[in-house]
Amino acid sequence: MGIFLGYCYSLLPGHYPQKNKKACESVGGEWTNSQNICLLANKKAGEICTDGAQCESGICFPPDLSENQKVMIAKELIKNIIGTCYPNNFPTGCVKQVIMGTISKESMCLNN
């Protein structure tokens, strides 16, 4: 799952600078010859992230929210969030996530 999300993330224009195998491997990515793309989902559990596509598990877990953020998230997205890579490749239920540096009430499992 993490590799697939890494692939999707790599398709975004600002996150796809590795156009060949040498450039890809120089930043720790995995080059796929079959599709000629660089997979960058290589961060291990506990490493900092801003999106699950950066993590082997495919999930970037957010930090605890401040009291102000808890009030804000009911009304709007919160940007510039740095999380840590989740340790489990097969989570069950709703898992809180940072997506492209942003959290929402949905990504924080608060959409009831």
PDB file of N, CA and C in Angstrom:
ATOM      1  N   MET A   1       0.827  -1.188   0.000  1.00  0.00           N
ATOM      2  CA  MET A   1       0.000   0.000   0.000  1.00  0.00           C
ATOM      3  C   MET A   1       0.872   1.252   0.000  1.00  0.00           C
ATOM      4  N   GLY A   2       1.917   1.265   0.813  1.00  0.00           N
ATOM      5  CA  GLY A   2       2.794   2.426   0.887  1.00  0.00           C
ATOM      6  C   GLY A   2       3.452   2.734  -0.446  1.00  0.00           C
ATOM      7  N   ILE A   3       3.870   1.689  -1.166  1.00  0.00           N
ATOM      8  CA  ILE A   3       4.504   1.880  -2.472  1.00  0.00           C
ATOM      9  C   ILE A   3       3.499   2.475  -3.446  1.00  0.00           C
ATOM     10  N   PHE A   4       2.257   1.979  -3.421  1.00  0.00           N
ATOM     11  CA  PHE A   4       1.227   2.518  -4.314  1.00  0.00           C
ATOM     12  C   PHE A   4       0.979   3.996  -4.027  1.00  0.00           C
ATOM     13  N   LEU A   5       0.858   4.356  -2.758  1.00  0.00           N
ATOM     14  CA  LEU A   5       0.647   5.760  -2.413  1.00  0.00           C
ATOM     15  C   LEU A   5       1.861   6.603  -2.798  1.00  0.00           C
ATOM     16  N   GLY A   6       3.051   6.028  -2.644  1.00  0.00           N
ATOM     17  CA  GLY A   6       4.260   6.719  -3.083  1.00  0.00           C
ATOM     18  C   GLY A   6       4.232   6.985  -4.577  1.00  0.00           C
ATOM     19  N   TYR A   7       3.744   6.008  -5.324  1.00  0.00           N
ATOM     20  CA  TYR A   7       3.610   6.177  -6.769  1.00  0.00           C
ATOM     21  C   TYR A   7       2.640   7.318  -7.083  1.00  0.00           C
ATOM     22  N   CYS A   8       1.471   7.312  -6.437  1.00  0.00           N
ATOM     23  CA  CYS A   8       0.483   8.376  -6.677  1.00  0.00           C
ATOM     24  C   CYS A   8       1.059   9.744  -6.325  1.00  0.00           C
ATOM     25  N   TYR A   9       1.743   9.826  -5.200  1.00  0.00           N
ATOM     26  CA  TYR A   9       2.353  11.077  -4.757  1.00  0.00           C
ATOM     27  C   TYR A   9       3.411  11.544  -5.750  1.00  0.00           C
ATOM     28  N   SER A  10       4.143  10.587  -6.312  1.00  0.00           N
ATOM     29  CA  SER A  10       5.212  10.946  -7.242  1.00  0.00           C
ATOM     30  C   SER A  10       4.674  11.540  -8.537  1.00  0.00           C
ATOM     31  N   LEU A  11       3.413  11.312  -8.841  1.00  0.00           N
ATOM     32  CA  LEU A  11       2.827  11.866 -10.060  1.00  0.00           C
ATOM     33  C   LEU A  11       2.507  13.349  -9.941  1.00  0.00           C
ATOM     34  N   LEU A  12       2.454  13.871  -8.733  1.00  0.00           N
ATOM     35  CA  LEU A  12       2.208  15.295  -8.555  1.00  0.00           C
ATOM     36  C   LEU A  12       3.424  16.070  -9.062  1.00  0.00           C
ATOM     37  N   PRO A  13       3.223  17.116  -9.844  1.00  0.00           N
ATOM     38  CA  PRO A  13       4.345  17.834 -10.485  1.00  0.00           C
ATOM     39  C   PRO A  13       5.455  18.269  -9.537  1.00  0.00           C
ATOM     40  N   GLY A  14       5.129  18.767  -8.378  1.00  0.00           N
ATOM     41  CA  GLY A  14       6.156  19.250  -7.461  1.00  0.00           C
ATOM     42  C   GLY A  14       6.920  18.156  -6.748  1.00  0.00           C
ATOM     43  N   HIS A  15       6.502  16.901  -6.915  1.00  0.00           N
ATOM     44  CA  HIS A  15       7.125  15.806  -6.191  1.00  0.00           C
ATOM     45  C   HIS A  15       7.716  14.753  -7.122  1.00  0.00           C
ATOM     46  N   TYR A  16       7.997  15.126  -8.359  1.00  0.00           N
ATOM     47  CA  TYR A  16       8.517  14.150  -9.303  1.00  0.00           C
ATOM     48  C   TYR A  16       9.747  14.672 -10.034  1.00  0.00           C
ATOM     49  N   PRO A  17      10.790  15.028  -9.264  1.00  0.00           N
ATOM     50  CA  PRO A  17      11.988  15.530  -9.926  1.00  0.00           C
ATOM     51  C   PRO A  17      12.902  14.417 -10.439  1.00  0.00           C
ATOM     52  N   GLN A  18      12.694  13.187  -9.999  1.00  0.00           N
ATOM     53  CA  GLN A  18      13.584  12.093 -10.362  1.00  0.00           C
ATOM     54  C   GLN A  18      13.122  11.467 -11.680  1.00  0.00           C
ATOM     55  N   LYS A  19      13.742  11.887 -12.766  1.00  0.00           N
ATOM     56  CA  LYS A  19      13.323  11.456 -14.098  1.00  0.00           C
ATOM     57  C   LYS A  19      14.085  10.235 -14.610  1.00  0.00           C
ATOM     58  N   ASN A  20      15.120   9.793 -13.897  1.00  0.00           N
ATOM     59  CA  ASN A  20      15.857   8.621 -14.345  1.00  0.00           C
ATOM     60  C   ASN A  20      16.344   7.808 -13.140  1.00  0.00           C
ATOM     61  N   LYS A  21      16.837   6.620 -13.398  1.00  0.00           N
ATOM     62  CA  LYS A  21      17.227   5.700 -12.340  1.00  0.00           C
ATOM     63  C   LYS A  21      18.308   6.281 -11.425  1.00  0.00           C
ATOM     64  N   LYS A  22      19.313   6.914 -12.007  1.00  0.00           N
ATOM     65  CA  LYS A  22      20.408   7.456 -11.204  1.00  0.00           C
ATOM     66  C   LYS A  22      19.907   8.540 -10.240  1.00  0.00           C
ATOM     67  N   ALA A  23      19.100   9.471 -10.754  1.00  0.00           N
ATOM     68  CA  ALA A  23      18.566  10.542  -9.911  1.00  0.00           C
ATOM     69  C   ALA A  23      17.647   9.976  -8.836  1.00  0.00           C
ATOM     70  N   CYS A  24      16.864   8.987  -9.192  1.00  0.00           N
ATOM     71  CA  CYS A  24      15.946   8.361  -8.243  1.00  0.00           C
ATOM     72  C   CYS A  24      16.711   7.704  -7.095  1.00  0.00           C
ATOM     73  N   GLU A  25      17.690   6.897  -7.429  1.00  0.00           N
ATOM     74  CA  GLU A  25      18.457   6.188  -6.407  1.00  0.00           C
ATOM     75  C   GLU A  25      19.297   7.134  -5.556  1.00  0.00           C
ATOM     76  N   SER A  26      19.661   8.290  -6.109  1.00  0.00           N
ATOM     77  CA  SER A  26      20.475   9.247  -5.342  1.00  0.00           C
ATOM     78  C   SER A  26      19.705   9.856  -4.174  1.00  0.00           C
ATOM     79  N   VAL A  27      18.364   9.822  -4.221  1.00  0.00           N
ATOM     80  CA  VAL A  27      17.553  10.344  -3.122  1.00  0.00           C
ATOM     81  C   VAL A  27      16.886   9.219  -2.334  1.00  0.00           C
ATOM     82  N   GLY A  28      17.342   7.985  -2.545  1.00  0.00           N
ATOM     83  CA  GLY A  28      16.820   6.849  -1.783  1.00  0.00           C
ATOM     84  C   GLY A  28      15.560   6.239  -2.344  1.00  0.00           C
ATOM     85  N   GLY A  29      15.208   6.583  -3.574  1.00  0.00           N
ATOM     86  CA  GLY A  29      14.012   6.016  -4.187  1.00  0.00           C
ATOM     87  C   GLY A  29      14.277   4.669  -4.824  1.00  0.00           C
ATOM     88  N   GLU A  30      13.212   4.045  -5.256  1.00  0.00           N
ATOM     89  CA  GLU A  30      13.297   2.749  -5.936  1.00  0.00           C
ATOM     90  C   GLU A  30      12.788   2.929  -7.358  1.00  0.00           C
ATOM     91  N   TRP A  31      13.648   2.700  -8.348  1.00  0.00           N
ATOM     92  CA  TRP A  31      13.296   2.887  -9.750  1.00  0.00           C
ATOM     93  C   TRP A  31      12.608   1.631 -10.278  1.00  0.00           C
ATOM     94  N   THR A  32      11.500   1.811 -10.987  1.00  0.00           N
ATOM     95  CA  THR A  32      10.823   0.672 -11.608  1.00  0.00           C
ATOM     96  C   THR A  32      11.068   0.723 -13.107  1.00  0.00           C
ATOM     97  N   ASN A  33      11.726  -0.284 -13.633  1.00  0.00           N
ATOM     98  CA  ASN A  33      12.006  -0.331 -15.066  1.00  0.00           C
ATOM     99  C   ASN A  33      10.743  -0.529 -15.892  1.00  0.00           C
ATOM    100  N   SER A  34       9.776  -1.265 -15.353  1.00  0.00           N
ATOM    101  CA  SER A  34       8.562  -1.555 -16.114  1.00  0.00           C
ATOM    102  C   SER A  34       7.747  -0.297 -16.416  1.00  0.00           C
ATOM    103  N   GLN A  35       7.763   0.687 -15.498  1.00  0.00           N
ATOM    104  CA  GLN A  35       6.979   1.902 -15.706  1.00  0.00           C
ATOM    105  C   GLN A  35       7.843   3.156 -15.805  1.00  0.00           C
ATOM    106  N   ASN A  36       9.151   3.001 -15.622  1.00  0.00           N
ATOM    107  CA  ASN A  36      10.081   4.131 -15.660  1.00  0.00           C
ATOM    108  C   ASN A  36       9.663   5.258 -14.717  1.00  0.00           C
ATOM    109  N   ILE A  37       9.423   4.890 -13.464  1.00  0.00           N
ATOM    110  CA  ILE A  37       9.066   5.875 -12.447  1.00  0.00           C
ATOM    111  C   ILE A  37       9.884   5.628 -11.187  1.00  0.00           C
ATOM    112  N   CYS A  38       9.944   6.648 -10.359  1.00  0.00           N
ATOM    113  CA  CYS A  38      10.679   6.589  -9.105  1.00  0.00           C
ATOM    114  C   CYS A  38       9.684   6.513  -7.950  1.00  0.00           C
ATOM    115  N   LEU A  39       9.801   5.495  -7.107  1.00  0.00           N
ATOM    116  CA  LEU A  39       8.962   5.342  -5.928  1.00  0.00           C
ATOM    117  C   LEU A  39       9.739   5.841  -4.719  1.00  0.00           C
ATOM    118  N   LEU A  40       9.196   6.855  -4.043  1.00  0.00           N
ATOM    119  CA  LEU A  40       9.910   7.497  -2.950  1.00  0.00           C
ATOM    120  C   LEU A  40       9.345   7.194  -1.565  1.00  0.00           C
ATOM    121  N   ALA A  41       8.466   6.238  -1.462  1.00  0.00           N
ATOM    122  CA  ALA A  41       7.888   5.883  -0.163  1.00  0.00           C
ATOM    123  C   ALA A  41       8.910   5.053   0.606  1.00  0.00           C
ATOM    124  N   ASN A  42       9.821   5.737   1.290  1.00  0.00           N
ATOM    125  CA  ASN A  42      10.910   4.997   1.912  1.00  0.00           C
ATOM    126  C   ASN A  42      11.162   5.355   3.369  1.00  0.00           C
ATOM    127  N   LYS A  43      10.305   6.159   3.980  1.00  0.00           N
ATOM    128  CA  LYS A  43      10.532   6.516   5.375  1.00  0.00           C
ATOM    129  C   LYS A  43       9.969   5.433   6.283  1.00  0.00           C
ATOM    130  N   LYS A  44      10.700   5.151   7.328  1.00  0.00           N
ATOM    131  CA  LYS A  44      10.313   4.105   8.262  1.00  0.00           C
ATOM    132  C   LYS A  44       9.442   4.664   9.383  1.00  0.00           C
ATOM    133  N   ALA A  45       8.808   3.782  10.135  1.00  0.00           N
ATOM    134  CA  ALA A  45       7.939   4.170  11.252  1.00  0.00           C
ATOM    135  C   ALA A  45       8.683   5.111  12.196  1.00  0.00           C
ATOM    136  N   GLY A  46       8.015   6.204  12.580  1.00  0.00           N
ATOM    137  CA  GLY A  46       8.593   7.166  13.501  1.00  0.00           C
ATOM    138  C   GLY A  46       9.333   8.316  12.846  1.00  0.00           C
ATOM    139  N   GLU A  47       9.657   8.204  11.557  1.00  0.00           N
ATOM    140  CA  GLU A  47      10.334   9.306  10.868  1.00  0.00           C
ATOM    141  C   GLU A  47       9.320  10.393  10.514  1.00  0.00           C
ATOM    142  N   ILE A  48       9.783  11.644  10.433  1.00  0.00           N
ATOM    143  CA  ILE A  48       8.860  12.745  10.148  1.00  0.00           C
ATOM    144  C   ILE A  48       8.369  12.694   8.702  1.00  0.00           C
ATOM    145  N   CYS A  49       7.144  13.215   8.507  1.00  0.00           N
ATOM    146  CA  CYS A  49       6.521  13.192   7.190  1.00  0.00           C
ATOM    147  C   CYS A  49       5.475  14.302   7.099  1.00  0.00           C
ATOM    148  N   THR A  50       5.062  14.577   5.880  1.00  0.00           N
ATOM    149  CA  THR A  50       3.953  15.496   5.652  1.00  0.00           C
ATOM    150  C   THR A  50       2.863  14.848   4.807  1.00  0.00           C
ATOM    151  N   ASP A  51       3.068  13.586   4.423  1.00  0.00           N
ATOM    152  CA  ASP A  51       2.090  12.848   3.632  1.00  0.00           C
ATOM    153  C   ASP A  51       2.404  11.361   3.725  1.00  0.00           C
ATOM    154  N   GLY A  52       1.371  10.540   3.739  1.00  0.00           N
ATOM    155  CA  GLY A  52       1.563   9.101   3.823  1.00  0.00           C
ATOM    156  C   GLY A  52       2.358   8.512   2.679  1.00  0.00           C
ATOM    157  N   ALA A  53       2.365   9.178   1.544  1.00  0.00           N
ATOM    158  CA  ALA A  53       3.118   8.673   0.399  1.00  0.00           C
ATOM    159  C   ALA A  53       4.617   8.649   0.660  1.00  0.00           C
ATOM    160  N   GLN A  54       5.068   9.359   1.674  1.00  0.00           N
ATOM    161  CA  GLN A  54       6.490   9.370   2.014  1.00  0.00           C
ATOM    162  C   GLN A  54       6.868   8.179   2.901  1.00  0.00           C
ATOM    163  N   CYS A  55       5.882   7.454   3.392  1.00  0.00           N
ATOM    164  CA  CYS A  55       6.111   6.408   4.397  1.00  0.00           C
ATOM    165  C   CYS A  55       5.934   5.005   3.831  1.00  0.00           C
ATOM    166  N   GLU A  56       6.717   4.078   4.349  1.00  0.00           N
ATOM    167  CA  GLU A  56       6.570   2.683   3.947  1.00  0.00           C
ATOM    168  C   GLU A  56       5.173   2.166   4.254  1.00  0.00           C
ATOM    169  N   SER A  57       4.587   2.608   5.349  1.00  0.00           N
ATOM    170  CA  SER A  57       3.248   2.147   5.739  1.00  0.00           C
ATOM    171  C   SER A  57       2.146   2.816   4.930  1.00  0.00           C
ATOM    172  N   GLY A  58       2.446   3.939   4.271  1.00  0.00           N
ATOM    173  CA  GLY A  58       1.438   4.666   3.523  1.00  0.00           C
ATOM    174  C   GLY A  58       0.623   5.627   4.376  1.00  0.00           C
ATOM    175  N   ILE A  59       1.000   5.755   5.659  1.00  0.00           N
ATOM    176  CA  ILE A  59       0.236   6.610   6.570  1.00  0.00           C
ATOM    177  C   ILE A  59       1.173   7.542   7.332  1.00  0.00           C
ATOM    178  N   CYS A  60       0.879   8.832   7.266  1.00  0.00           N
ATOM    179  CA  CYS A  60       1.592   9.846   8.047  1.00  0.00           C
ATOM    180  C   CYS A  60       0.668  10.223   9.200  1.00  0.00           C
ATOM    181  N   PHE A  61       1.039   9.851  10.412  1.00  0.00           N
ATOM    182  CA  PHE A  61       0.211  10.044  11.600  1.00  0.00           C
ATOM    183  C   PHE A  61       0.438  11.436  12.171  1.00  0.00           C
ATOM    184  N   PRO A  62      -0.627  12.192  12.440  1.00  0.00           N
ATOM    185  CA  PRO A  62      -0.477  13.567  12.927  1.00  0.00           C
ATOM    186  C   PRO A  62      -0.071  13.649  14.393  1.00  0.00           C
ATOM    187  N   PRO A  63       0.466  14.785  14.788  1.00  0.00           N
ATOM    188  CA  PRO A  63       0.791  14.991  16.206  1.00  0.00           C
ATOM    189  C   PRO A  63      -0.499  15.268  16.985  1.00  0.00           C
ATOM    190  N   ASP A  64      -0.413  15.302  18.306  1.00  0.00           N
ATOM    191  CA  ASP A  64      -1.555  15.701  19.126  1.00  0.00           C
ATOM    192  C   ASP A  64      -1.896  17.150  18.810  1.00  0.00           C
ATOM    193  N   LEU A  65      -3.183  17.450  18.764  1.00  0.00           N
ATOM    194  CA  LEU A  65      -3.615  18.810  18.448  1.00  0.00           C
ATOM    195  C   LEU A  65      -3.620  19.688  19.691  1.00  0.00           C
ATOM    196  N   SER A  66      -3.291  20.961  19.484  1.00  0.00           N
ATOM    197  CA  SER A  66      -3.396  21.942  20.569  1.00  0.00           C
ATOM    198  C   SER A  66      -4.888  22.250  20.775  1.00  0.00           C
ATOM    199  N   GLU A  67      -5.225  22.897  21.847  1.00  0.00           N
ATOM    200  CA  GLU A  67      -6.624  23.259  22.104  1.00  0.00           C
ATOM    201  C   GLU A  67      -7.158  24.164  20.995  1.00  0.00           C
ATOM    202  N   ASN A  68      -6.340  25.098  20.534  1.00  0.00           N
ATOM    203  CA  ASN A  68      -6.734  25.995  19.448  1.00  0.00           C
ATOM    204  C   ASN A  68      -6.997  25.209  18.161  1.00  0.00           C
ATOM    205  N   GLN A  69      -6.137  24.248  17.841  1.00  0.00           N
ATOM    206  CA  GLN A  69      -6.320  23.436  16.637  1.00  0.00           C
ATOM    207  C   GLN A  69      -7.590  22.594  16.720  1.00  0.00           C
ATOM    208  N   LYS A  70      -7.920  22.116  17.915  1.00  0.00           N
ATOM    209  CA  LYS A  70      -9.142  21.316  18.091  1.00  0.00           C
ATOM    210  C   LYS A  70     -10.383  22.139  17.764  1.00  0.00           C
ATOM    211  N   VAL A  71     -10.358  23.407  18.072  1.00  0.00           N
ATOM    212  CA  VAL A  71     -11.475  24.293  17.745  1.00  0.00           C
ATOM    213  C   VAL A  71     -11.471  24.601  16.245  1.00  0.00           C
ATOM    214  N   MET A  72     -10.301  24.898  15.696  1.00  0.00           N
ATOM    215  CA  MET A  72     -10.174  25.264  14.283  1.00  0.00           C
ATOM    216  C   MET A  72     -10.594  24.143  13.338  1.00  0.00           C
ATOM    217  N   ILE A  73     -10.258  22.905  13.676  1.00  0.00           N
ATOM    218  CA  ILE A  73     -10.470  21.798  12.743  1.00  0.00           C
ATOM    219  C   ILE A  73     -11.947  21.540  12.465  1.00  0.00           C
ATOM    220  N   ALA A  74     -12.818  21.949  13.354  1.00  0.00           N
ATOM    221  CA  ALA A  74     -14.252  21.792  13.117  1.00  0.00           C
ATOM    222  C   ALA A  74     -14.727  22.679  11.973  1.00  0.00           C
ATOM    223  N   LYS A  75     -13.982  23.747  11.681  1.00  0.00           N
ATOM    224  CA  LYS A  75     -14.400  24.727  10.681  1.00  0.00           C
ATOM    225  C   LYS A  75     -13.574  24.726   9.410  1.00  0.00           C
ATOM    226  N   GLU A  76     -12.302  24.316   9.507  1.00  0.00           N
ATOM    227  CA  GLU A  76     -11.409  24.482   8.355  1.00  0.00           C
ATOM    228  C   GLU A  76     -10.267  23.475   8.382  1.00  0.00           C
ATOM    229  N   LEU A  77      -9.574  23.394   7.248  1.00  0.00           N
ATOM    230  CA  LEU A  77      -8.359  22.591   7.155  1.00  0.00           C
ATOM    231  C   LEU A  77      -7.256  23.262   7.960  1.00  0.00           C
ATOM    232  N   ILE A  78      -6.367  22.466   8.507  1.00  0.00           N
ATOM    233  CA  ILE A  78      -5.194  23.019   9.180  1.00  0.00           C
ATOM    234  C   ILE A  78      -3.985  22.607   8.355  1.00  0.00           C
ATOM    235  N   LYS A  79      -3.205  23.592   7.943  1.00  0.00           N
ATOM    236  CA  LYS A  79      -2.063  23.350   7.046  1.00  0.00           C
ATOM    237  C   LYS A  79      -0.743  23.373   7.807  1.00  0.00           C
ATOM    238  N   ASN A  80       0.312  22.985   7.100  1.00  0.00           N
ATOM    239  CA  ASN A  80       1.686  22.970   7.625  1.00  0.00           C
ATOM    240  C   ASN A  80       1.839  22.036   8.820  1.00  0.00           C
ATOM    241  N   ILE A  81       1.237  20.859   8.715  1.00  0.00           N
ATOM    242  CA  ILE A  81       1.316  19.855   9.773  1.00  0.00           C
ATOM    243  C   ILE A  81       2.433  18.871   9.452  1.00  0.00           C
ATOM    244  N   ILE A  82       3.236  18.574  10.444  1.00  0.00           N
ATOM    245  CA  ILE A  82       4.293  17.567  10.308  1.00  0.00           C
ATOM    246  C   ILE A  82       3.947  16.412  11.234  1.00  0.00           C
ATOM    247  N   GLY A  83       3.881  15.236  10.654  1.00  0.00           N
ATOM    248  CA  GLY A  83       3.559  14.043  11.426  1.00  0.00           C
ATOM    249  C   GLY A  83       4.719  13.069  11.454  1.00  0.00           C
ATOM    250  N   THR A  84       4.424  11.840  11.829  1.00  0.00           N
ATOM    251  CA  THR A  84       5.418  10.760  11.821  1.00  0.00           C
ATOM    252  C   THR A  84       4.821   9.548  11.103  1.00  0.00           C
ATOM    253  N   CYS A  85       5.679   8.800  10.447  1.00  0.00           N
ATOM    254  CA  CYS A  85       5.220   7.621   9.712  1.00  0.00           C
ATOM    255  C   CYS A  85       4.637   6.585  10.667  1.00  0.00           C
ATOM    256  N   TYR A  86       3.478   6.085  10.318  1.00  0.00           N
ATOM    257  CA  TYR A  86       2.741   5.098  11.103  1.00  0.00           C
ATOM    258  C   TYR A  86       3.452   3.744  11.022  1.00  0.00           C
ATOM    259  N   PRO A  87       3.473   2.991  12.109  1.00  0.00           N
ATOM    260  CA  PRO A  87       4.229   1.742  12.117  1.00  0.00           C
ATOM    261  C   PRO A  87       3.537   0.543  11.478  1.00  0.00           C
ATOM    262  N   ASN A  88       2.256   0.619  11.154  1.00  0.00           N
ATOM    263  CA  ASN A  88       1.517  -0.556  10.721  1.00  0.00           C
ATOM    264  C   ASN A  88       1.076  -0.434   9.275  1.00  0.00           C
ATOM    265  N   ASN A  89       1.398  -1.440   8.461  1.00  0.00           N
ATOM    266  CA  ASN A  89       0.985  -1.451   7.057  1.00  0.00           C
ATOM    267  C   ASN A  89      -0.473  -1.847   6.884  1.00  0.00           C
ATOM    268  N   PHE A  90      -1.080  -2.475   7.891  1.00  0.00           N
ATOM    269  CA  PHE A  90      -2.441  -2.968   7.776  1.00  0.00           C
ATOM    270  C   PHE A  90      -3.298  -2.470   8.937  1.00  0.00           C
ATOM    271  N   PRO A  91      -3.551  -1.164   8.984  1.00  0.00           N
ATOM    272  CA  PRO A  91      -4.351  -0.625  10.088  1.00  0.00           C
ATOM    273  C   PRO A  91      -5.809  -1.049   9.958  1.00  0.00           C
ATOM    274  N   THR A  92      -6.511  -1.041  11.068  1.00  0.00           N
ATOM    275  CA  THR A  92      -7.945  -1.330  11.045  1.00  0.00           C
ATOM    276  C   THR A  92      -8.689  -0.098  11.543  1.00  0.00           C
ATOM    277  N   GLY A  93      -9.878   0.084  11.045  1.00  0.00           N
ATOM    278  CA  GLY A  93     -10.676   1.236  11.445  1.00  0.00           C
ATOM    279  C   GLY A  93     -10.125   2.521  10.857  1.00  0.00           C
ATOM    280  N   CYS A  94     -10.640   3.624  11.340  1.00  0.00           N
ATOM    281  CA  CYS A  94     -10.184   4.928  10.866  1.00  0.00           C
ATOM    282  C   CYS A  94      -8.868   5.288  11.547  1.00  0.00           C
ATOM    283  N   VAL A  95      -7.873   5.618  10.760  1.00  0.00           N
ATOM    284  CA  VAL A  95      -6.564   6.008  11.281  1.00  0.00           C
ATOM    285  C   VAL A  95      -6.336   7.477  10.929  1.00  0.00           C
ATOM    286  N   LYS A  96      -6.017   8.280  11.917  1.00  0.00           N
ATOM    287  CA  LYS A  96      -5.749   9.699  11.691  1.00  0.00           C
ATOM    288  C   LYS A  96      -4.577   9.847  10.728  1.00  0.00           C
ATOM    289  N   GLN A  97      -4.664  10.839   9.804  1.00  0.00           N
ATOM    290  CA  GLN A  97      -3.625  10.999   8.794  1.00  0.00           C
ATOM    291  C   GLN A  97      -3.353  12.458   8.450  1.00  0.00           C
ATOM    292  N   VAL A  98      -2.086  12.726   8.117  1.00  0.00           N
ATOM    293  CA  VAL A  98      -1.688  13.995   7.509  1.00  0.00           C
ATOM    294  C   VAL A  98      -1.652  13.740   6.006  1.00  0.00           C
ATOM    295  N   ILE A  99      -2.318  14.589   5.241  1.00  0.00           N
ATOM    296  CA  ILE A  99      -2.356  14.424   3.795  1.00  0.00           C
ATOM    297  C   ILE A  99      -1.842  15.706   3.154  1.00  0.00           C
ATOM    298  N   MET A 100      -0.708  15.598   2.501  1.00  0.00           N
ATOM    299  CA  MET A 100      -0.052  16.740   1.854  1.00  0.00           C
ATOM    300  C   MET A 100       0.094  17.921   2.815  1.00  0.00           C
ATOM    301  N   GLY A 101       0.528  17.612   4.041  1.00  0.00           N
ATOM    302  CA  GLY A 101       0.793  18.646   5.033  1.00  0.00           C
ATOM    303  C   GLY A 101      -0.439  19.248   5.666  1.00  0.00           C
ATOM    304  N   THR A 102      -1.591  18.629   5.438  1.00  0.00           N
ATOM    305  CA  THR A 102      -2.871  19.177   5.886  1.00  0.00           C
ATOM    306  C   THR A 102      -3.665  18.128   6.653  1.00  0.00           C
ATOM    307  N   ILE A 103      -4.426  18.597   7.647  1.00  0.00           N
ATOM    308  CA  ILE A 103      -5.381  17.719   8.318  1.00  0.00           C
ATOM    309  C   ILE A 103      -6.759  18.363   8.254  1.00  0.00           C
ATOM    310  N   SER A 104      -7.769  17.525   8.268  1.00  0.00           N
ATOM    311  CA  SER A 104      -9.167  17.968   8.260  1.00  0.00           C
ATOM    312  C   SER A 104      -9.915  17.142   9.297  1.00  0.00           C
ATOM    313  N   LYS A 105     -11.156  17.498   9.562  1.00  0.00           N
ATOM    314  CA  LYS A 105     -11.901  16.681  10.524  1.00  0.00           C
ATOM    315  C   LYS A 105     -12.079  15.269   9.984  1.00  0.00           C
ATOM    316  N   GLU A 106     -12.160  15.106   8.650  1.00  0.00           N
ATOM    317  CA  GLU A 106     -12.276  13.772   8.068  1.00  0.00           C
ATOM    318  C   GLU A 106     -10.978  12.985   8.226  1.00  0.00           C
ATOM    319  N   SER A 107      -9.840  13.620   7.951  1.00  0.00           N
ATOM    320  CA  SER A 107      -8.559  12.908   8.064  1.00  0.00           C
ATOM    321  C   SER A 107      -8.198  12.618   9.515  1.00  0.00           C
ATOM    322  N   MET A 108      -8.873  13.304  10.439  1.00  0.00           N
ATOM    323  CA  MET A 108      -8.637  13.081  11.878  1.00  0.00           C
ATOM    324  C   MET A 108      -9.731  12.196  12.476  1.00  0.00           C
ATOM    325  N   CYS A 109     -10.560  11.581  11.601  1.00  0.00           N
ATOM    326  CA  CYS A 109     -11.621  10.651  12.030  1.00  0.00           C
ATOM    327  C   CYS A 109     -12.661  11.341  12.903  1.00  0.00           C
ATOM    328  N   LEU A 110     -12.970  12.593  12.607  1.00  0.00           N
ATOM    329  CA  LEU A 110     -13.934  13.359  13.397  1.00  0.00           C
ATOM    330  C   LEU A 110     -15.199  13.675  12.603  1.00  0.00           C
ATOM    331  N   ASN A 111     -15.446  12.956  11.525  1.00  0.00           N
ATOM    332  CA  ASN A 111     -16.555  13.305  10.635  1.00  0.00           C
ATOM    333  C   ASN A 111     -17.855  12.591  11.002  1.00  0.00           C
ATOM    334  N   ASN A 112     -18.196  12.563  12.253  1.00  0.00           N
ATOM    335  CA  ASN A 112     -19.458  11.916  12.646  1.00  0.00           C
ATOM    336  C   ASN A 112     -20.553  12.907  12.828  1.00  0.00           C
TER     337      ASN A 112
END
